[in-house]
């Protein structure tokens, strides 16, 4: 087994844990990303706003991908409740 294989095997459980956390708390993670972006933008006085927003968008996409990883189509995730007809 090479070094890369050893590292990959060691990080496997960590990836599973991160994927599970992204599924359960994706909205909280994305809120934290927004807060961090806002703080950095304030401290840099808006000098890097475009770059901060680009990085924020990529981070949010990564969280979404992790949250969806391993799911079958139609499994889990936000769902719209069935509409019930009005009663007369």
PDB file of N, CA and C in Angstrom:
ATOM      1  N   UNK A   1       0.841  -1.177   0.000  1.00  0.00           N
ATOM      2  CA  UNK A   1       0.000   0.000   0.000  1.00  0.00           C
ATOM      3  C   UNK A   1       0.888   1.242   0.000  1.00  0.00           C
ATOM      4  N   UNK A   2       0.586   2.179  -0.880  1.00  0.00           N
ATOM      5  CA  UNK A   2       1.363   3.407  -0.967  1.00  0.00           C
ATOM      6  C   UNK A   2       0.891   4.449   0.040  1.00  0.00           C
ATOM      7  N   UNK A   3       1.616   5.511   0.119  1.00  0.00           N
ATOM      8  CA  UNK A   3       1.297   6.599   1.046  1.00  0.00           C
ATOM      9  C   UNK A   3      -0.096   7.157   0.771  1.00  0.00           C
ATOM     10  N   UNK A   4      -0.403   7.359  -0.506  1.00  0.00           N
ATOM     11  CA  UNK A   4      -1.716   7.908  -0.861  1.00  0.00           C
ATOM     12  C   UNK A   4      -2.839   6.985  -0.401  1.00  0.00           C
ATOM     13  N   UNK A   5      -2.652   5.697  -0.570  1.00  0.00           N
ATOM     14  CA  UNK A   5      -3.666   4.730  -0.133  1.00  0.00           C
ATOM     15  C   UNK A   5      -3.854   4.779   1.375  1.00  0.00           C
ATOM     16  N   UNK A   6      -2.748   4.917   2.116  1.00  0.00           N
ATOM     17  CA  UNK A   6      -2.830   5.010   3.579  1.00  0.00           C
ATOM     18  C   UNK A   6      -3.588   6.261   4.014  1.00  0.00           C
ATOM     19  N   UNK A   7      -3.289   7.375   3.373  1.00  0.00           N
ATOM     20  CA  UNK A   7      -3.978   8.627   3.712  1.00  0.00           C
ATOM     21  C   UNK A   7      -5.461   8.520   3.370  1.00  0.00           C
ATOM     22  N   UNK A   8      -5.759   7.983   2.206  1.00  0.00           N
ATOM     23  CA  UNK A   8      -7.148   7.824   1.777  1.00  0.00           C
ATOM     24  C   UNK A   8      -7.926   6.928   2.746  1.00  0.00           C
ATOM     25  N   UNK A   9      -7.307   5.837   3.187  1.00  0.00           N
ATOM     26  CA  UNK A   9      -7.958   4.927   4.130  1.00  0.00           C
ATOM     27  C   UNK A   9      -8.178   5.598   5.485  1.00  0.00           C
ATOM     28  N   UNK A  10      -7.224   6.421   5.902  1.00  0.00           N
ATOM     29  CA  UNK A  10      -7.346   7.098   7.197  1.00  0.00           C
ATOM     30  C   UNK A  10      -8.414   8.188   7.165  1.00  0.00           C
ATOM     31  N   UNK A  11      -8.595   8.835   6.026  1.00  0.00           N
ATOM     32  CA  UNK A  11      -9.561   9.926   5.923  1.00  0.00           C
ATOM     33  C   UNK A  11     -10.971   9.461   5.577  1.00  0.00           C
ATOM     34  N   UNK A  12     -11.144   8.219   5.225  1.00  0.00           N
ATOM     35  CA  UNK A  12     -12.464   7.691   4.884  1.00  0.00           C
ATOM     36  C   UNK A  12     -13.507   7.921   5.964  1.00  0.00           C
ATOM     37  N   UNK A  13     -13.235   7.523   7.212  1.00  0.00           N
ATOM     38  CA  UNK A  13     -14.219   7.752   8.274  1.00  0.00           C
ATOM     39  C   UNK A  13     -14.500   9.234   8.515  1.00  0.00           C
ATOM     40  N   UNK A  14     -13.484  10.081   8.356  1.00  0.00           N
ATOM     41  CA  UNK A  14     -13.682  11.522   8.546  1.00  0.00           C
ATOM     42  C   UNK A  14     -14.627  12.068   7.482  1.00  0.00           C
ATOM     43  N   UNK A  15     -14.478  11.604   6.250  1.00  0.00           N
ATOM     44  CA  UNK A  15     -15.353  12.060   5.166  1.00  0.00           C
ATOM     45  C   UNK A  15     -16.794  11.638   5.431  1.00  0.00           C
ATOM     46  N   UNK A  16     -16.961  10.408   5.924  1.00  0.00           N
ATOM     47  CA  UNK A  16     -18.309   9.938   6.253  1.00  0.00           C
ATOM     48  C   UNK A  16     -18.931  10.804   7.336  1.00  0.00           C
ATOM     49  N   UNK A  17     -18.154  11.170   8.312  1.00  0.00           N
ATOM     50  CA  UNK A  17     -18.643  12.011   9.412  1.00  0.00           C
ATOM     51  C   UNK A  17     -19.036  13.396   8.890  1.00  0.00           C
ATOM     52  N   UNK A  18     -18.188  13.971   8.044  1.00  0.00           N
ATOM     53  CA  UNK A  18     -18.478  15.293   7.486  1.00  0.00           C
ATOM     54  C   UNK A  18     -19.736  15.243   6.614  1.00  0.00           C
ATOM     55  N   UNK A  19     -19.871  14.188   5.831  1.00  0.00           N
ATOM     56  CA  UNK A  19     -21.056  14.030   4.989  1.00  0.00           C
ATOM     57  C   UNK A  19     -22.308  13.945   5.849  1.00  0.00           C
ATOM     58  N   UNK A  20     -22.250  13.185   6.925  1.00  0.00           N
ATOM     59  CA  UNK A  20     -23.383  13.050   7.835  1.00  0.00           C
ATOM     60  C   UNK A  20     -23.729  14.392   8.477  1.00  0.00           C
ATOM     61  N   UNK A  21     -22.720  15.127   8.918  1.00  0.00           N
ATOM     62  CA  UNK A  21     -22.961  16.439   9.518  1.00  0.00           C
ATOM     63  C   UNK A  21     -23.546  17.416   8.504  1.00  0.00           C
ATOM     64  N   UNK A  22     -23.090  17.361   7.258  1.00  0.00           N
ATOM     65  CA  UNK A  22     -23.621  18.246   6.221  1.00  0.00           C
ATOM     66  C   UNK A  22     -25.096  17.938   5.962  1.00  0.00           C
ATOM     67  N   UNK A  23     -25.466  16.669   6.031  1.00  0.00           N
ATOM     68  CA  UNK A  23     -26.878  16.295   5.859  1.00  0.00           C
ATOM     69  C   UNK A  23     -27.732  16.844   6.995  1.00  0.00           C
ATOM     70  N   UNK A  24     -27.244  16.679   8.221  1.00  0.00           N
ATOM     71  CA  UNK A  24     -28.032  17.047   9.393  1.00  0.00           C
ATOM     72  C   UNK A  24     -28.043  18.554   9.654  1.00  0.00           C
ATOM     73  N   UNK A  25     -26.929  19.228   9.397  1.00  0.00           N
ATOM     74  CA  UNK A  25     -26.793  20.625   9.816  1.00  0.00           C
ATOM     75  C   UNK A  25     -26.345  21.546   8.685  1.00  0.00           C
ATOM     76  N   UNK A  26     -26.685  21.212   7.464  1.00  0.00           N
ATOM     77  CA  UNK A  26     -26.259  22.004   6.320  1.00  0.00           C
ATOM     78  C   UNK A  26     -26.682  23.453   6.411  1.00  0.00           C
ATOM     79  N   UNK A  27     -27.906  23.699   6.895  1.00  0.00           N
ATOM     80  CA  UNK A  27     -28.386  25.076   7.006  1.00  0.00           C
ATOM     81  C   UNK A  27     -27.577  25.867   8.032  1.00  0.00           C
ATOM     82  N   UNK A  28     -27.190  25.239   9.117  1.00  0.00           N
ATOM     83  CA  UNK A  28     -26.378  25.916  10.136  1.00  0.00           C
ATOM     84  C   UNK A  28     -24.973  26.197   9.606  1.00  0.00           C
ATOM     85  N   UNK A  29     -24.417  25.264   8.865  1.00  0.00           N
ATOM     86  CA  UNK A  29     -23.082  25.450   8.291  1.00  0.00           C
ATOM     87  C   UNK A  29     -23.116  26.618   7.311  1.00  0.00           C
ATOM     88  N   UNK A  30     -24.147  26.656   6.475  1.00  0.00           N
ATOM     89  CA  UNK A  30     -24.241  27.744   5.510  1.00  0.00           C
ATOM     90  C   UNK A  30     -24.448  29.090   6.200  1.00  0.00           C
ATOM     91  N   UNK A  31     -25.176  29.099   7.306  1.00  0.00           N
ATOM     92  CA  UNK A  31     -25.316  30.331   8.085  1.00  0.00           C
ATOM     93  C   UNK A  31     -23.975  30.783   8.655  1.00  0.00           C
ATOM     94  N   UNK A  32     -23.177  29.831   9.100  1.00  0.00           N
ATOM     95  CA  UNK A  32     -21.834  30.152   9.610  1.00  0.00           C
ATOM     96  C   UNK A  32     -20.930  30.689   8.515  1.00  0.00           C
ATOM     97  N   UNK A  33     -21.067  30.139   7.321  1.00  0.00           N
ATOM     98  CA  UNK A  33     -20.288  30.625   6.182  1.00  0.00           C
ATOM     99  C   UNK A  33     -20.661  32.079   5.891  1.00  0.00           C
ATOM    100  N   UNK A  34     -21.960  32.372   5.923  1.00  0.00           N
ATOM    101  CA  UNK A  34     -22.416  33.748   5.681  1.00  0.00           C
ATOM    102  C   UNK A  34     -21.882  34.711   6.738  1.00  0.00           C
ATOM    103  N   UNK A  35     -21.937  34.288   8.010  1.00  0.00           N
ATOM    104  CA  UNK A  35     -21.431  35.138   9.094  1.00  0.00           C
ATOM    105  C   UNK A  35     -19.943  35.414   8.937  1.00  0.00           C
ATOM    106  N   UNK A  36     -19.183  34.374   8.641  1.00  0.00           N
ATOM    107  CA  UNK A  36     -17.738  34.531   8.473  1.00  0.00           C
ATOM    108  C   UNK A  36     -17.437  35.458   7.300  1.00  0.00           C
ATOM    109  N   UNK A  37     -18.168  35.306   6.205  1.00  0.00           N
ATOM    110  CA  UNK A  37     -17.967  36.158   5.033  1.00  0.00           C
ATOM    111  C   UNK A  37     -18.258  37.615   5.373  1.00  0.00           C
ATOM    112  N   UNK A  38     -19.308  37.837   6.141  1.00  0.00           N
ATOM    113  CA  UNK A  38     -19.677  39.197   6.531  1.00  0.00           C
ATOM    114  C   UNK A  38     -18.588  39.837   7.390  1.00  0.00           C
ATOM    115  N   UNK A  39     -18.062  39.093   8.349  1.00  0.00           N
ATOM    116  CA  UNK A  39     -17.010  39.608   9.226  1.00  0.00           C
ATOM    117  C   UNK A  39     -15.756  39.941   8.415  1.00  0.00           C
ATOM    118  N   UNK A  40     -15.344  39.035   7.540  1.00  0.00           N
ATOM    119  CA  UNK A  40     -14.151  39.273   6.725  1.00  0.00           C
ATOM    120  C   UNK A  40     -14.362  40.478   5.816  1.00  0.00           C
ATOM    121  N   UNK A  41     -15.554  40.590   5.233  1.00  0.00           N
ATOM    122  CA  UNK A  41     -15.845  41.714   4.353  1.00  0.00           C
ATOM    123  C   UNK A  41     -15.779  43.040   5.113  1.00  0.00           C
ATOM    124  N   UNK A  42     -16.298  43.057   6.334  1.00  0.00           N
ATOM    125  CA  UNK A  42     -16.231  44.275   7.154  1.00  0.00           C
ATOM    126  C   UNK A  42     -14.793  44.634   7.493  1.00  0.00           C
ATOM    127  N   UNK A  43     -14.015  43.648   7.895  1.00  0.00           N
ATOM    128  CA  UNK A  43     -12.632  43.911   8.309  1.00  0.00           C
ATOM    129  C   UNK A  43     -11.738  44.335   7.153  1.00  0.00           C
ATOM    130  N   UNK A  44     -12.071  43.907   5.949  1.00  0.00           N
ATOM    131  CA  UNK A  44     -11.282  44.322   4.786  1.00  0.00           C
ATOM    132  C   UNK A  44     -11.903  45.556   4.132  1.00  0.00           C
ATOM    133  N   UNK A  45     -12.924  46.114   4.782  1.00  0.00           N
ATOM    134  CA  UNK A  45     -13.602  47.331   4.319  1.00  0.00           C
ATOM    135  C   UNK A  45     -14.099  47.214   2.882  1.00  0.00           C
ATOM    136  N   UNK A  46     -14.589  46.024   2.523  1.00  0.00           N
ATOM    137  CA  UNK A  46     -15.195  45.809   1.219  1.00  0.00           C
ATOM    138  C   UNK A  46     -14.217  45.685   0.061  1.00  0.00           C
ATOM    139  N   UNK A  47     -12.936  45.669   0.371  1.00  0.00           N
ATOM    140  CA  UNK A  47     -11.932  45.624  -0.684  1.00  0.00           C
ATOM    141  C   UNK A  47     -11.987  44.322  -1.493  1.00  0.00           C
ATOM    142  N   UNK A  48     -12.377  43.227  -0.858  1.00  0.00           N
ATOM    143  CA  UNK A  48     -12.379  41.913  -1.513  1.00  0.00           C
ATOM    144  C   UNK A  48     -13.782  41.309  -1.588  1.00  0.00           C
ATOM    145  N   UNK A  49     -14.790  42.143  -1.635  1.00  0.00           N
ATOM    146  CA  UNK A  49     -16.175  41.667  -1.608  1.00  0.00           C
ATOM    147  C   UNK A  49     -16.449  40.621  -2.682  1.00  0.00           C
ATOM    148  N   UNK A  50     -16.023  40.889  -3.919  1.00  0.00           N
ATOM    149  CA  UNK A  50     -16.295  39.942  -5.010  1.00  0.00           C
ATOM    150  C   UNK A  50     -15.647  38.585  -4.755  1.00  0.00           C
ATOM    151  N   UNK A  51     -14.418  38.602  -4.294  1.00  0.00           N
ATOM    152  CA  UNK A  51     -13.709  37.350  -4.029  1.00  0.00           C
ATOM    153  C   UNK A  51     -14.328  36.612  -2.843  1.00  0.00           C
ATOM    154  N   UNK A  52     -14.745  37.360  -1.843  1.00  0.00           N
ATOM    155  CA  UNK A  52     -15.381  36.740  -0.666  1.00  0.00           C
ATOM    156  C   UNK A  52     -16.685  36.070  -1.074  1.00  0.00           C
ATOM    157  N   UNK A  53     -17.481  36.746  -1.886  1.00  0.00           N
ATOM    158  CA  UNK A  53     -18.757  36.158  -2.326  1.00  0.00           C
ATOM    159  C   UNK A  53     -18.534  34.935  -3.211  1.00  0.00           C
ATOM    160  N   UNK A  54     -17.513  34.993  -4.059  1.00  0.00           N
ATOM    161  CA  UNK A  54     -17.218  33.830  -4.911  1.00  0.00           C
ATOM    162  C   UNK A  54     -16.818  32.634  -4.044  1.00  0.00           C
ATOM    163  N   UNK A  55     -15.977  32.860  -3.051  1.00  0.00           N
ATOM    164  CA  UNK A  55     -15.563  31.784  -2.150  1.00  0.00           C
ATOM    165  C   UNK A  55     -16.719  31.259  -1.325  1.00  0.00           C
ATOM    166  N   UNK A  56     -17.582  32.158  -0.888  1.00  0.00           N
ATOM    167  CA  UNK A  56     -18.756  31.766  -0.110  1.00  0.00           C
ATOM    168  C   UNK A  56     -19.676  30.881  -0.946  1.00  0.00           C
ATOM    169  N   UNK A  57     -19.893  31.271  -2.184  1.00  0.00           N
ATOM    170  CA  UNK A  57     -20.753  30.463  -3.065  1.00  0.00           C
ATOM    171  C   UNK A  57     -20.173  29.067  -3.280  1.00  0.00           C
ATOM    172  N   UNK A  58     -18.880  28.983  -3.484  1.00  0.00           N
ATOM    173  CA  UNK A  58     -18.244  27.670  -3.688  1.00  0.00           C
ATOM    174  C   UNK A  58     -18.337  26.814  -2.431  1.00  0.00           C
ATOM    175  N   UNK A  59     -18.147  27.439  -1.268  1.00  0.00           N
ATOM    176  CA  UNK A  59     -18.238  26.694  -0.009  1.00  0.00           C
ATOM    177  C   UNK A  59     -19.655  26.165   0.207  1.00  0.00           C
ATOM    178  N   UNK A  60     -20.652  26.975  -0.107  1.00  0.00           N
ATOM    179  CA  UNK A  60     -22.042  26.542   0.046  1.00  0.00           C
ATOM    180  C   UNK A  60     -22.375  25.394  -0.917  1.00  0.00           C
ATOM    181  N   UNK A  61     -21.858  25.483  -2.147  1.00  0.00           N
ATOM    182  CA  UNK A  61     -22.073  24.399  -3.104  1.00  0.00           C
ATOM    183  C   UNK A  61     -21.441  23.100  -2.600  1.00  0.00           C
ATOM    184  N   UNK A  62     -20.276  23.211  -1.992  1.00  0.00           N
ATOM    185  CA  UNK A  62     -19.600  22.026  -1.459  1.00  0.00           C
ATOM    186  C   UNK A  62     -20.423  21.403  -0.328  1.00  0.00           C
ATOM    187  N   UNK A  63     -20.983  22.230   0.536  1.00  0.00           N
ATOM    188  CA  UNK A  63     -21.822  21.723   1.623  1.00  0.00           C
ATOM    189  C   UNK A  63     -23.049  21.027   1.046  1.00  0.00           C
ATOM    190  N   UNK A  64     -23.643  21.635   0.014  1.00  0.00           N
ATOM    191  CA  UNK A  64     -24.805  21.005  -0.631  1.00  0.00           C
ATOM    192  C   UNK A  64     -24.442  19.652  -1.229  1.00  0.00           C
ATOM    193  N   UNK A  65     -23.307  19.604  -1.922  1.00  0.00           N
ATOM    194  CA  UNK A  65     -22.870  18.335  -2.529  1.00  0.00           C
ATOM    195  C   UNK A  65     -22.641  17.274  -1.456  1.00  0.00           C
ATOM    196  N   UNK A  66     -21.982  17.653  -0.375  1.00  0.00           N
ATOM    197  CA  UNK A  66     -21.738  16.681   0.699  1.00  0.00           C
ATOM    198  C   UNK A  66     -23.046  16.207   1.317  1.00  0.00           C
ATOM    199  N   UNK A  67     -23.988  17.127   1.473  1.00  0.00           N
ATOM    200  CA  UNK A  67     -25.274  16.770   2.060  1.00  0.00           C
ATOM    201  C   UNK A  67     -26.080  15.829   1.196  1.00  0.00           C
ATOM    202  N   UNK A  68     -25.868  15.888  -0.114  1.00  0.00           N
ATOM    203  CA  UNK A  68     -26.605  15.033  -1.039  1.00  0.00           C
ATOM    204  C   UNK A  68     -25.877  13.737  -1.352  1.00  0.00           C
ATOM    205  N   UNK A  69     -24.606  13.656  -1.012  1.00  0.00           N
ATOM    206  CA  UNK A  69     -23.797  12.485  -1.348  1.00  0.00           C
ATOM    207  C   UNK A  69     -24.352  11.222  -0.709  1.00  0.00           C
ATOM    208  N   UNK A  70     -24.457  10.196  -1.493  1.00  0.00           N
ATOM    209  CA  UNK A  70     -24.896   8.899  -0.983  1.00  0.00           C
ATOM    210  C   UNK A  70     -26.398   8.738  -0.934  1.00  0.00           C
ATOM    211  N   UNK A  71     -27.136   9.792  -1.254  1.00  0.00           N
ATOM    212  CA  UNK A  71     -28.594   9.684  -1.252  1.00  0.00           C
ATOM    213  C   UNK A  71     -29.080   9.218  -2.609  1.00  0.00           C
ATOM    214  N   UNK A  72     -30.151   8.483  -2.579  1.00  0.00           N
ATOM    215  CA  UNK A  72     -30.790   8.065  -3.810  1.00  0.00           C
ATOM    216  C   UNK A  72     -31.731   9.193  -4.241  1.00  0.00           C
ATOM    217  N   UNK A  73     -32.004   9.330  -5.521  1.00  0.00           N
ATOM    218  CA  UNK A  73     -32.942  10.362  -5.966  1.00  0.00           C
ATOM    219  C   UNK A  73     -34.278  10.213  -5.262  1.00  0.00           C
ATOM    220  N   UNK A  74     -34.780  11.323  -4.745  1.00  0.00           N
ATOM    221  CA  UNK A  74     -36.063  11.312  -4.046  1.00  0.00           C
ATOM    222  C   UNK A  74     -35.962  10.934  -2.586  1.00  0.00           C
ATOM    223  N   UNK A  75     -34.772  10.618  -2.097  1.00  0.00           N
ATOM    224  CA  UNK A  75     -34.613  10.209  -0.716  1.00  0.00           C
ATOM    225  C   UNK A  75     -34.172  11.400   0.123  1.00  0.00           C
ATOM    226  N   UNK A  76     -34.832  11.621   1.240  1.00  0.00           N
ATOM    227  CA  UNK A  76     -34.426  12.667   2.171  1.00  0.00           C
ATOM    228  C   UNK A  76     -34.545  14.048   1.573  1.00  0.00           C
ATOM    229  N   UNK A  77     -33.969  15.004   2.262  1.00  0.00           N
ATOM    230  CA  UNK A  77     -33.973  16.374   1.789  1.00  0.00           C
ATOM    231  C   UNK A  77     -35.317  17.030   2.011  1.00  0.00           C
ATOM    232  N   UNK A  78     -35.371  18.337   1.748  1.00  0.00           N
ATOM    233  CA  UNK A  78     -36.628  19.041   1.940  1.00  0.00           C
ATOM    234  C   UNK A  78     -37.667  18.570   0.939  1.00  0.00           C
ATOM    235  N   UNK A  79     -38.855  18.381   1.433  1.00  0.00           N
ATOM    236  CA  UNK A  79     -39.916  17.920   0.569  1.00  0.00           C
ATOM    237  C   UNK A  79     -41.149  18.776   0.796  1.00  0.00           C
ATOM    238  N   UNK A  80     -41.916  18.940  -0.238  1.00  0.00           N
ATOM    239  CA  UNK A  80     -43.162  19.696  -0.132  1.00  0.00           C
ATOM    240  C   UNK A  80     -44.238  18.747   0.349  1.00  0.00           C
ATOM    241  N   UNK A  81     -44.978  19.156   1.403  1.00  0.00           N
ATOM    242  CA  UNK A  81     -46.037  18.269   1.874  1.00  0.00           C
ATOM    243  C   UNK A  81     -47.139  18.164   0.832  1.00  0.00           C
ATOM    244  N   UNK A  82     -47.819  17.025   0.788  1.00  0.00           N
ATOM    245  CA  UNK A  82     -48.899  16.884  -0.192  1.00  0.00           C
ATOM    246  C   UNK A  82     -50.015  17.878   0.098  1.00  0.00           C
ATOM    247  N   UNK A  83     -50.602  18.397  -0.972  1.00  0.00           N
ATOM    248  CA  UNK A  83     -51.687  19.341  -0.816  1.00  0.00           C
ATOM    249  C   UNK A  83     -52.976  18.594  -0.554  1.00  0.00           C
ATOM    250  N   UNK A  84     -53.713  19.051   0.431  1.00  0.00           N
ATOM    251  CA  UNK A  84     -54.996  18.430   0.723  1.00  0.00           C
ATOM    252  C   UNK A  84     -56.081  19.317   0.159  1.00  0.00           C
ATOM    253  N   UNK A  85     -57.088  18.729  -0.451  1.00  0.00           N
ATOM    254  CA  UNK A  85     -58.172  19.548  -0.997  1.00  0.00           C
ATOM    255  C   UNK A  85     -58.960  20.208   0.130  1.00  0.00           C
ATOM    256  N   UNK A  86     -59.462  21.420  -0.102  1.00  0.00           N
ATOM    257  CA  UNK A  86     -60.267  22.085   0.932  1.00  0.00           C
ATOM    258  C   UNK A  86     -61.555  21.309   1.190  1.00  0.00           C
ATOM    259  N   UNK A  87     -61.923  21.265   2.440  1.00  0.00           N
ATOM    260  CA  UNK A  87     -63.150  20.551   2.798  1.00  0.00           C
ATOM    261  C   UNK A  87     -64.345  21.469   2.655  1.00  0.00           C
ATOM    262  N   UNK A  88     -65.441  20.928   2.106  1.00  0.00           N
ATOM    263  CA  UNK A  88     -66.636  21.732   1.891  1.00  0.00           C
ATOM    264  C   UNK A  88     -67.636  21.540   2.982  1.00  0.00           C
TER     265      UNK A  88
END
